Amino acid sequence: MDLSAFLKLLFNEGKIIVPRELNDFDKADIAEAKELLQQEYDRDITELPGQAPAFDENAACWAANYLFRASQFTLLRNLESGLMDKWLPVYHDTGSASAIYSVDLLFRHLGDLVKLIKNLAPDDPLVNHIHQVAAQWPFSSVGTKVNPSVPLTAICSHPALRYIYADRIIKTRDETRAKETDDLLAEVMGMHKDIFWPTP
C-alpha cells in the first residue's frame, strides 16, 4: 500500500489501509498522489459556498503523509514512539486560508483517527501528538473535544471557511467551539437559532 493507493481508497470509499512497515514513498508514487490531491480539490470546491481558497500543494501533501503515518502508528502498536519525530513532522504554516482548506481535504477525517486513539492511555505519546496537531488545525478538528491552539482569524475572515466552520460546529454540537464563536453562529443561524441550536 503506497500513498496514492491510500488516497484512492480514502477518497473513493472513505476507508484506509496501511502497510505494516515504515517505508519512504518513491517519486512516482508522490507524483501520482499530488495529482489525486489536485483532483480532490477540484471536485471539492464545486460544493463550496463561495470562492474557494487557492490549492496549497505542500500543505495537502503534508496532511496526506501525516494521516497515512498517524494511521500506521495508531493501528500498529509495535512501532516505537521514538520514530514519530521522523515520520510525523509538524507543519508550521497554519495561518493561511489556502493551507487550512488544503489540509482539510485530508484532515476532515481526523475525527475518525481521534476516535481510534481514545482507548489508548491518555499519556501515550501518539495521543499527545495527534491531539497537538488537531489543535493546530481547528477547522478540521471540530467535534473532537480538542481546543484550538492557534488563532481562528484566517477561518473567520474567509467567507467560505467561515460558513463551513460554523456549520460544522452546529452539526457536531461542539459546545466549546460554540462559546468561542458565538457571534459567528448567531450570524449564520439568525432568527433560526432556536431551531438549529435549541436551548435546553
Protein backbone atom coordinates (compact mmCIF):
# COMPACT_ATOMS: atom_id res chain seq x y z
CA MET A 1 0.00 0.00 0.00
CA ASP A 2 1.60 3.26 -1.16
CA LEU A 3 0.40 6.84 -0.64
CA SER A 4 -1.50 7.11 -3.93
CA ALA A 5 -3.38 3.84 -3.27
CA PHE A 6 -4.14 5.06 0.25
CA LEU A 7 -5.62 8.28 -1.16
CA LYS A 8 -7.68 6.50 -3.81
CA LEU A 9 -9.30 4.26 -1.19
CA LEU A 10 -9.86 7.18 1.18
CA PHE A 11 -11.38 9.50 -1.43
CA ASN A 12 -13.45 6.85 -3.21
CA GLU A 13 -14.65 4.69 -0.31
CA GLY A 14 -13.80 6.59 2.88
CA LYS A 15 -11.64 3.69 4.06
CA ILE A 16 -7.96 3.32 4.91
CA ILE A 17 -5.45 0.51 4.65
CA VAL A 18 -1.84 0.96 5.72
CA PRO A 19 1.20 -1.32 5.47
CA ARG A 20 2.94 -2.81 8.48
CA GLU A 21 6.31 -1.28 7.64
CA LEU A 22 7.54 2.31 7.64
CA ASN A 23 8.98 2.87 4.17
CA ASP A 24 9.63 6.01 2.14
CA PHE A 25 7.35 6.79 -0.81
CA ASP A 26 9.01 6.72 -4.22
CA LYS A 27 8.94 9.68 -6.61
CA ALA A 28 6.37 8.18 -8.98
CA ASP A 29 4.02 7.47 -6.08
CA ILE A 30 4.39 11.02 -4.74
CA ALA A 31 3.72 12.47 -8.20
CA GLU A 32 0.54 10.40 -8.52
CA ALA A 33 -0.52 11.39 -5.01
CA LYS A 34 -0.15 15.07 -5.92
CA GLU A 35 -2.40 14.57 -8.95
CA LEU A 36 -5.02 12.85 -6.78
CA LEU A 37 -4.91 15.69 -4.25
CA GLN A 38 -5.38 18.26 -7.01
CA GLN A 39 -8.31 16.26 -8.39
CA GLU A 40 -9.90 16.03 -4.94
CA TYR A 41 -9.51 19.78 -4.51
CA ASP A 42 -11.11 20.43 -7.92
CA ARG A 43 -14.00 18.15 -7.04
CA ASP A 44 -14.48 19.53 -3.54
CA ILE A 45 -14.59 23.21 -4.49
CA THR A 46 -17.66 22.63 -6.64
CA GLU A 47 -19.65 22.19 -3.42
CA LEU A 48 -18.07 25.08 -1.57
CA PRO A 49 -20.25 28.09 -0.72
CA GLY A 50 -18.48 30.99 -2.42
CA GLN A 51 -14.91 31.41 -3.60
CA ALA A 52 -12.53 28.65 -2.55
CA PRO A 53 -9.05 29.34 -1.18
CA ALA A 54 -6.26 28.51 -3.60
CA PHE A 55 -4.84 24.98 -3.55
CA ASP A 56 -1.71 24.62 -1.42
CA GLU A 57 0.03 21.52 -2.70
CA ASN A 58 2.68 21.45 0.04
CA ALA A 59 0.07 21.62 2.80
CA ALA A 60 -2.09 18.94 1.18
CA CYS A 61 0.89 16.62 0.69
CA TRP A 62 1.96 17.08 4.29
CA ALA A 63 -1.57 16.27 5.51
CA ALA A 64 -1.76 13.17 3.31
CA ASN A 65 1.56 11.94 4.66
CA TYR A 66 0.56 12.74 8.24
CA LEU A 67 -2.76 10.91 8.02
CA PHE A 68 -1.04 7.90 6.44
CA ARG A 69 1.72 7.72 9.05
CA ALA A 70 -0.52 8.53 12.02
CA SER A 71 -2.82 5.72 10.93
CA GLN A 72 0.17 3.37 10.88
CA PHE A 73 1.22 4.36 14.40
CA THR A 74 -2.37 4.03 15.62
CA LEU A 75 -3.02 0.60 14.18
CA LEU A 76 0.46 -0.90 14.51
CA ARG A 77 1.28 -0.60 18.18
CA ASN A 78 4.61 -2.38 17.73
CA LEU A 79 6.09 0.78 16.20
CA GLU A 80 8.41 2.61 18.58
CA SER A 81 7.20 6.03 19.72
CA GLY A 82 10.71 7.37 19.21
CA LEU A 83 10.17 7.11 15.46
CA MET A 84 7.38 9.71 15.50
CA ASP A 85 9.73 12.68 15.21
CA LYS A 86 10.89 11.42 11.83
CA TRP A 87 7.65 10.07 10.42
CA LEU A 88 5.15 12.56 11.90
CA PRO A 89 6.67 16.02 11.36
CA VAL A 90 4.51 19.05 12.14
CA TYR A 91 3.57 21.71 9.59
CA HIS A 92 4.10 25.28 10.70
CA ASP A 93 2.15 27.31 8.12
CA THR A 94 -1.24 27.02 9.82
CA GLY A 95 -2.33 30.62 9.30
CA SER A 96 -3.40 30.86 5.66
CA ALA A 97 -6.82 30.02 4.23
CA SER A 98 -5.17 28.01 1.44
CA ALA A 99 -3.24 25.82 3.87
CA ILE A 100 -6.28 25.35 6.12
CA TYR A 101 -8.55 24.27 3.26
CA SER A 102 -5.93 22.10 1.52
CA VAL A 103 -5.06 20.28 4.75
CA ASP A 104 -8.77 19.79 5.40
CA LEU A 105 -9.10 17.67 2.26
CA LEU A 106 -7.42 15.02 4.42
CA PHE A 107 -7.96 16.21 7.97
CA ARG A 108 -11.74 16.19 7.71
CA HIS A 109 -11.10 12.51 8.50
CA LEU A 110 -9.02 13.42 11.55
CA GLY A 111 -12.02 12.97 13.85
CA ASP A 112 -12.11 9.27 12.95
CA LEU A 113 -8.45 8.98 13.91
CA VAL A 114 -9.09 10.74 17.22
CA LYS A 115 -11.85 8.19 17.93
CA LEU A 116 -9.42 5.35 17.21
CA ILE A 117 -6.93 6.57 19.80
CA LYS A 118 -9.49 7.19 22.56
CA ASN A 119 -8.87 3.75 24.06
CA LEU A 120 -5.13 4.31 24.32
CA ALA A 121 -3.58 5.54 27.56
CA PRO A 122 -4.03 9.33 27.94
CA ASP A 123 -0.29 9.78 28.32
CA ASP A 124 0.55 7.72 25.23
CA PRO A 125 2.96 9.80 23.08
CA LEU A 126 0.80 9.19 19.99
CA VAL A 127 -2.32 10.52 21.73
CA ASN A 128 -0.47 13.68 22.73
CA HIS A 129 0.96 14.11 19.23
CA ILE A 130 -2.35 13.72 17.39
CA HIS A 131 -4.14 15.99 19.86
CA GLN A 132 -1.48 18.68 19.42
CA VAL A 133 -1.80 18.50 15.64
CA ALA A 134 -5.61 18.54 15.84
CA ALA A 135 -5.35 21.68 17.98
CA GLN A 136 -3.25 23.33 15.27
CA TRP A 137 -5.97 22.72 12.67
CA PRO A 138 -9.25 23.82 14.33
CA PHE A 139 -11.14 23.97 11.02
CA SER A 140 -10.75 20.20 10.67
CA SER A 141 -10.99 19.20 14.33
CA VAL A 142 -14.46 20.47 15.20
CA GLY A 143 -16.27 17.92 17.34
CA THR A 144 -13.10 16.19 18.60
CA LYS A 145 -13.12 17.91 22.02
CA VAL A 146 -9.67 19.29 21.22
CA ASN A 147 -9.32 23.00 21.88
CA PRO A 148 -7.64 25.16 19.20
CA SER A 149 -4.07 26.25 19.88
CA VAL A 150 -3.94 28.78 17.04
CA PRO A 151 -5.99 31.91 16.24
CA LEU A 152 -9.19 31.49 14.21
CA THR A 153 -8.51 34.67 12.22
CA ALA A 154 -7.87 33.01 8.85
CA ILE A 155 -11.03 30.91 9.19
CA CYS A 156 -13.35 33.66 10.36
CA SER A 157 -12.08 36.19 7.83
CA HIS A 158 -12.66 33.94 4.81
CA PRO A 159 -16.36 33.82 3.79
CA ALA A 160 -16.42 30.18 2.66
CA LEU A 161 -14.33 28.80 5.53
CA ARG A 162 -16.29 30.92 7.99
CA TYR A 163 -19.59 29.41 6.87
CA ILE A 164 -18.31 25.81 6.82
CA TYR A 165 -16.71 26.19 10.24
CA ALA A 166 -19.97 27.42 11.75
CA ASP A 167 -21.89 24.64 10.00
CA ARG A 168 -19.56 22.01 11.47
CA ILE A 169 -19.93 23.42 14.95
CA ILE A 170 -23.70 23.27 14.62
CA LYS A 171 -23.73 19.74 13.20
CA THR A 172 -21.43 18.34 15.88
CA ARG A 173 -22.94 20.41 18.71
CA ASP A 174 -19.42 21.39 19.73
CA GLU A 175 -20.20 23.44 22.84
CA THR A 176 -16.62 24.60 23.40
CA ARG A 177 -16.21 25.94 19.87
CA ALA A 178 -19.67 27.49 20.03
CA LYS A 179 -18.69 29.60 23.04
CA GLU A 180 -15.61 30.86 21.17
CA THR A 181 -17.58 31.78 18.05
CA ASP A 182 -20.91 32.93 19.45
CA ASP A 183 -21.14 35.95 17.13
CA LEU A 184 -20.37 33.81 14.09
CA LEU A 185 -23.05 31.25 14.95
CA ALA A 186 -25.59 33.99 15.59
CA GLU A 187 -24.80 35.45 12.17
CA VAL A 188 -25.17 32.09 10.40
CA MET A 189 -28.30 30.90 12.22
CA GLY A 190 -30.01 34.28 12.52
CA MET A 191 -33.62 34.03 13.63
CA HIS A 192 -33.49 30.25 13.29
CA LYS A 193 -31.11 29.77 16.23
CA ASP A 194 -33.78 28.06 18.35
CA ILE A 195 -34.26 25.52 15.57
CA PHE A 196 -30.61 24.74 14.82
CA TRP A 197 -29.34 25.09 18.39
CA PRO A 198 -32.26 24.83 20.82
CA THR A 199 -31.65 25.93 24.40
CA PRO A 200 -32.13 23.01 26.88
